[in-house]
Every structure is written in structure tokens, then in C-alpha cells.
Amino acid sequence: MVDFTTSKLGKNVEAVSTDVNKEKELQQYTIAPGVKKLTEDKAVVCHKENYPYAVFFCHKTNAVKAYFVPLEGVDGSRVKAVAVCHTDTSKWNPKHLAFQVLKVKPGTVSVCHFLPQDHVVWVPK
């Protein structure tokens, strides 16, 4: 993972992931103060695969912005979340679920989402 990341982004990188202190029941969250931009244009994202041991699928993404987003649950619990915004969706499949949910077409808007806690985002420092 580190070798792949440094081959794509260089050696001065930082790994970030969503941090949930304690598993909570499904609830609504609001964005708390302290949102921080982590990268402006590129990142390596590593998605945990469903194996009984640690296997990640990593890929470099361009035209992406990554953010640290503090969240607060209705019960007062806090989550340090990582969000990614894909700023160029013009080449995405028009049938992608994001376009159906947002009722938009490829290339017209950025698509943003939070990352699960078992995924890793590498960004340039």
C-alpha cells in the first residue's frame, strides 16, 4: 500500500481515515465546526476488500478534493469523518447510482461522499 501510494504521490504523504470512537446505532449526524481540506486535486484511496485478512484495493484519483469533517450525532457522539468530492464526473457512467439519487447528469456537479472507517485516503502533505 505504501509503495503504491508513494509511487503515485511522492514520499511526502499522509494517511487519513474515518475514526469512530465507539460503534453507535444508526442515527443522524450534523457537521460540526472544524472542516479541514486535505487535498485539492489528487489522492490515493484504498478500499478494504471483504476477506478474512487485510486486503485493500488502492487507486489514484485525480480531480478529487478530500476533507476531514467532524460530525456530531444526535446522542452527542462524535465521528472524525473523511469525505471525498469527485470534481470531474464527466466520464462516469450515466447510470451511476449517484446521478440517479441526485437527479443530475455526468459532468454537471461534484459528487461527494463519506468514506467508511476501514478505508484509507492518502494525500500529499
C-alpha atoms as a PDB file:
ATOM      1  CA  MET A   1       0.000   0.000   0.000  1.00  0.00           C
ATOM      2  CA  VAL A   2       2.762   2.431   0.956  1.00  0.00           C
ATOM      3  CA  ASP A   3       4.871   1.561  -2.101  1.00  0.00           C
ATOM      4  CA  PHE A   4       1.915   2.078  -4.446  1.00  0.00           C
ATOM      5  CA  THR A   5       0.975   5.360  -2.766  1.00  0.00           C
ATOM      6  CA  THR A   6       4.464   6.845  -2.820  1.00  0.00           C
ATOM      7  CA  SER A   7       4.906   5.815  -6.465  1.00  0.00           C
ATOM      8  CA  LYS A   8       1.808   7.878  -7.321  1.00  0.00           C
ATOM      9  CA  LEU A   9       2.051  10.830  -4.892  1.00  0.00           C
ATOM     10  CA  GLY A  10       5.700  11.018  -3.843  1.00  0.00           C
ATOM     11  CA  LYS A  11       7.197  10.357  -0.424  1.00  0.00           C
ATOM     12  CA  ASN A  12       5.675  13.261   1.495  1.00  0.00           C
ATOM     13  CA  VAL A  13       2.206  11.802   2.170  1.00  0.00           C
ATOM     14  CA  GLU A  14      -0.275  11.441   4.994  1.00  0.00           C
ATOM     15  CA  ALA A  15      -2.798   8.642   5.595  1.00  0.00           C
ATOM     16  CA  VAL A  16      -6.240   9.562   6.920  1.00  0.00           C
ATOM     17  CA  SER A  17      -9.347   7.535   7.617  1.00  0.00           C
ATOM     18  CA  THR A  18     -12.705   7.922   9.299  1.00  0.00           C
ATOM     19  CA  ASP A  19     -12.407   7.485  13.066  1.00  0.00           C
ATOM     20  CA  VAL A  20     -15.416   6.236  15.008  1.00  0.00           C
ATOM     21  CA  ASN A  21     -14.613   6.047  18.722  1.00  0.00           C
ATOM     22  CA  LYS A  22     -17.415   3.652  19.549  1.00  0.00           C
ATOM     23  CA  GLU A  23     -19.892   1.823  17.334  1.00  0.00           C
ATOM     24  CA  LYS A  24     -23.267   3.527  17.541  1.00  0.00           C
ATOM     25  CA  GLU A  25     -26.739   2.686  16.432  1.00  0.00           C
ATOM     26  CA  LEU A  26     -27.854   4.253  13.175  1.00  0.00           C
ATOM     27  CA  GLN A  27     -28.563   7.932  13.817  1.00  0.00           C
ATOM     28  CA  GLN A  28     -28.491  11.343  12.189  1.00  0.00           C
ATOM     29  CA  TYR A  29     -25.333  13.440  12.303  1.00  0.00           C
ATOM     30  CA  THR A  30     -24.666  17.122  11.758  1.00  0.00           C
ATOM     31  CA  ILE A  31     -21.430  18.678  10.552  1.00  0.00           C
ATOM     32  CA  ALA A  32     -19.583  20.263  13.476  1.00  0.00           C
ATOM     33  CA  PRO A  33     -17.137  23.185  13.220  1.00  0.00           C
ATOM     34  CA  GLY A  34     -13.620  22.368  12.061  1.00  0.00           C
ATOM     35  CA  VAL A  35     -13.917  21.092   8.474  1.00  0.00           C
ATOM     36  CA  LYS A  36     -10.405  20.907   7.002  1.00  0.00           C
ATOM     37  CA  LYS A  37      -9.431  20.491   3.338  1.00  0.00           C
ATOM     38  CA  LEU A  38      -6.839  17.730   2.983  1.00  0.00           C
ATOM     39  CA  THR A  39      -6.104  17.871  -0.751  1.00  0.00           C
ATOM     40  CA  GLU A  40      -7.076  19.956  -3.753  1.00  0.00           C
ATOM     41  CA  ASP A  41      -6.639  17.649  -6.722  1.00  0.00           C
ATOM     42  CA  LYS A  42      -5.252  14.156  -6.157  1.00  0.00           C
ATOM     43  CA  ALA A  43      -5.246  11.303  -3.679  1.00  0.00           C
ATOM     44  CA  VAL A  44      -4.780   7.572  -3.391  1.00  0.00           C
ATOM     45  CA  VAL A  45      -7.785   5.784  -1.942  1.00  0.00           C
ATOM     46  CA  CYS A  46      -7.527   2.258  -0.542  1.00  0.00           C
ATOM     47  CA  HIS A  47     -10.775   0.343  -0.105  1.00  0.00           C
ATOM     48  CA  LYS A  48     -10.823  -2.638   2.258  1.00  0.00           C
ATOM     49  CA  GLU A  49     -11.898  -5.799   0.471  1.00  0.00           C
ATOM     50  CA  ASN A  50     -14.093  -8.442   2.069  1.00  0.00           C
ATOM     51  CA  TYR A  51     -11.517 -11.070   3.078  1.00  0.00           C
ATOM     52  CA  PRO A  52     -10.739 -12.627   6.474  1.00  0.00           C
ATOM     53  CA  TYR A  53      -7.392 -10.791   6.389  1.00  0.00           C
ATOM     54  CA  ALA A  54      -6.313  -7.289   5.369  1.00  0.00           C
ATOM     55  CA  VAL A  55      -6.634  -6.835   1.600  1.00  0.00           C
ATOM     56  CA  PHE A  56      -7.045  -3.377   0.087  1.00  0.00           C
ATOM     57  CA  PHE A  57      -7.818  -2.211  -3.453  1.00  0.00           C
ATOM     58  CA  CYS A  58      -5.911   1.045  -3.986  1.00  0.00           C
ATOM     59  CA  HIS A  59      -6.199   3.524  -6.845  1.00  0.00           C
ATOM     60  CA  LYS A  60      -5.053   7.050  -7.591  1.00  0.00           C
ATOM     61  CA  THR A  61      -7.777   9.588  -8.179  1.00  0.00           C
ATOM     62  CA  ASN A  62      -7.411  12.930  -9.893  1.00  0.00           C
ATOM     63  CA  ALA A  63      -9.955  15.744  -9.878  1.00  0.00           C
ATOM     64  CA  VAL A  64     -10.786  14.998  -6.260  1.00  0.00           C
ATOM     65  CA  LYS A  65     -10.915  17.021  -3.071  1.00  0.00           C
ATOM     66  CA  ALA A  66     -10.640  15.323   0.314  1.00  0.00           C
ATOM     67  CA  TYR A  67     -11.817  16.777   3.607  1.00  0.00           C
ATOM     68  CA  PHE A  68     -11.693  15.982   7.298  1.00  0.00           C
ATOM     69  CA  VAL A  69     -15.267  16.511   8.529  1.00  0.00           C
ATOM     70  CA  PRO A  70     -16.139  16.402  12.235  1.00  0.00           C
ATOM     71  CA  LEU A  71     -19.636  15.000  12.789  1.00  0.00           C
ATOM     72  CA  GLU A  72     -21.853  15.055  15.862  1.00  0.00           C
ATOM     73  CA  GLY A  73     -24.623  12.514  16.388  1.00  0.00           C
ATOM     74  CA  VAL A  74     -27.993  13.299  17.941  1.00  0.00           C
ATOM     75  CA  ASP A  75     -26.815  11.418  21.058  1.00  0.00           C
ATOM     76  CA  GLY A  76     -23.739  13.696  21.310  1.00  0.00           C
ATOM     77  CA  SER A  77     -21.264  11.147  19.944  1.00  0.00           C
ATOM     78  CA  ARG A  78     -18.556  12.428  17.636  1.00  0.00           C
ATOM     79  CA  VAL A  79     -17.036  10.992  14.468  1.00  0.00           C
ATOM     80  CA  LYS A  80     -13.919  12.229  12.688  1.00  0.00           C
ATOM     81  CA  ALA A  81     -15.035  11.517   9.120  1.00  0.00           C
ATOM     82  CA  VAL A  82     -13.190  11.699   5.822  1.00  0.00           C
ATOM     83  CA  ALA A  83     -15.190  12.920   2.826  1.00  0.00           C
ATOM     84  CA  VAL A  84     -14.168  12.887  -0.824  1.00  0.00           C
ATOM     85  CA  CYS A  85     -15.607  15.070  -3.591  1.00  0.00           C
ATOM     86  CA  HIS A  86     -15.147  13.961  -7.196  1.00  0.00           C
ATOM     87  CA  THR A  87     -14.960  17.240  -9.112  1.00  0.00           C
ATOM     88  CA  ASP A  88     -14.988  15.816 -12.653  1.00  0.00           C
ATOM     89  CA  THR A  89     -17.714  13.228 -13.231  1.00  0.00           C
ATOM     90  CA  SER A  90     -17.963  13.820 -16.986  1.00  0.00           C
ATOM     91  CA  LYS A  91     -16.567  10.365 -17.850  1.00  0.00           C
ATOM     92  CA  TRP A  92     -18.645   8.430 -15.308  1.00  0.00           C
ATOM     93  CA  ASN A  93     -21.325   6.003 -16.436  1.00  0.00           C
ATOM     94  CA  PRO A  94     -24.573   7.995 -16.788  1.00  0.00           C
ATOM     95  CA  LYS A  95     -26.361   5.162 -14.966  1.00  0.00           C
ATOM     96  CA  HIS A  96     -24.170   5.532 -11.851  1.00  0.00           C
ATOM     97  CA  LEU A  97     -26.278   5.462  -8.688  1.00  0.00           C
ATOM     98  CA  ALA A  98     -25.042   8.927  -7.654  1.00  0.00           C
ATOM     99  CA  PHE A  99     -26.646  10.514 -10.726  1.00  0.00           C
ATOM    100  CA  GLN A 100     -29.917   8.697 -10.126  1.00  0.00           C
ATOM    101  CA  VAL A 101     -30.072   9.764  -6.475  1.00  0.00           C
ATOM    102  CA  LEU A 102     -29.050  13.371  -7.187  1.00  0.00           C
ATOM    103  CA  LYS A 103     -31.096  13.580 -10.410  1.00  0.00           C
ATOM    104  CA  VAL A 104     -28.181  15.111 -12.339  1.00  0.00           C
ATOM    105  CA  LYS A 105     -26.094  14.246 -15.393  1.00  0.00           C
ATOM    106  CA  PRO A 106     -22.377  13.390 -15.597  1.00  0.00           C
ATOM    107  CA  GLY A 107     -20.090  16.411 -15.514  1.00  0.00           C
ATOM    108  CA  THR A 108     -22.691  18.838 -14.152  1.00  0.00           C
ATOM    109  CA  VAL A 109     -21.909  18.654 -10.418  1.00  0.00           C
ATOM    110  CA  SER A 110     -19.318  17.318  -8.000  1.00  0.00           C
ATOM    111  CA  VAL A 111     -20.237  14.079  -6.257  1.00  0.00           C
ATOM    112  CA  CYS A 112     -19.235  13.887  -2.595  1.00  0.00           C
ATOM    113  CA  HIS A 113     -19.417  11.034  -0.111  1.00  0.00           C
ATOM    114  CA  PHE A 114     -18.070   9.928   3.243  1.00  0.00           C
ATOM    115  CA  LEU A 115     -15.650   7.019   3.460  1.00  0.00           C
ATOM    116  CA  PRO A 116     -16.204   4.046   5.769  1.00  0.00           C
ATOM    117  CA  GLN A 117     -13.825   3.688   8.686  1.00  0.00           C
ATOM    118  CA  ASP A 118     -11.960   0.750   7.131  1.00  0.00           C
ATOM    119  CA  HIS A 119     -10.874   2.712   4.027  1.00  0.00           C
ATOM    120  CA  VAL A 120      -7.664   4.770   3.838  1.00  0.00           C
ATOM    121  CA  VAL A 121      -7.098   8.012   1.931  1.00  0.00           C
ATOM    122  CA  TRP A 122      -3.525   9.060   1.220  1.00  0.00           C
ATOM    123  CA  VAL A 123      -2.954  12.738   0.461  1.00  0.00           C
ATOM    124  CA  PRO A 124       0.136  14.845  -0.271  1.00  0.00           C
ATOM    125  CA  LYS A 125       1.372  16.763   2.787  1.00  0.00           C
END
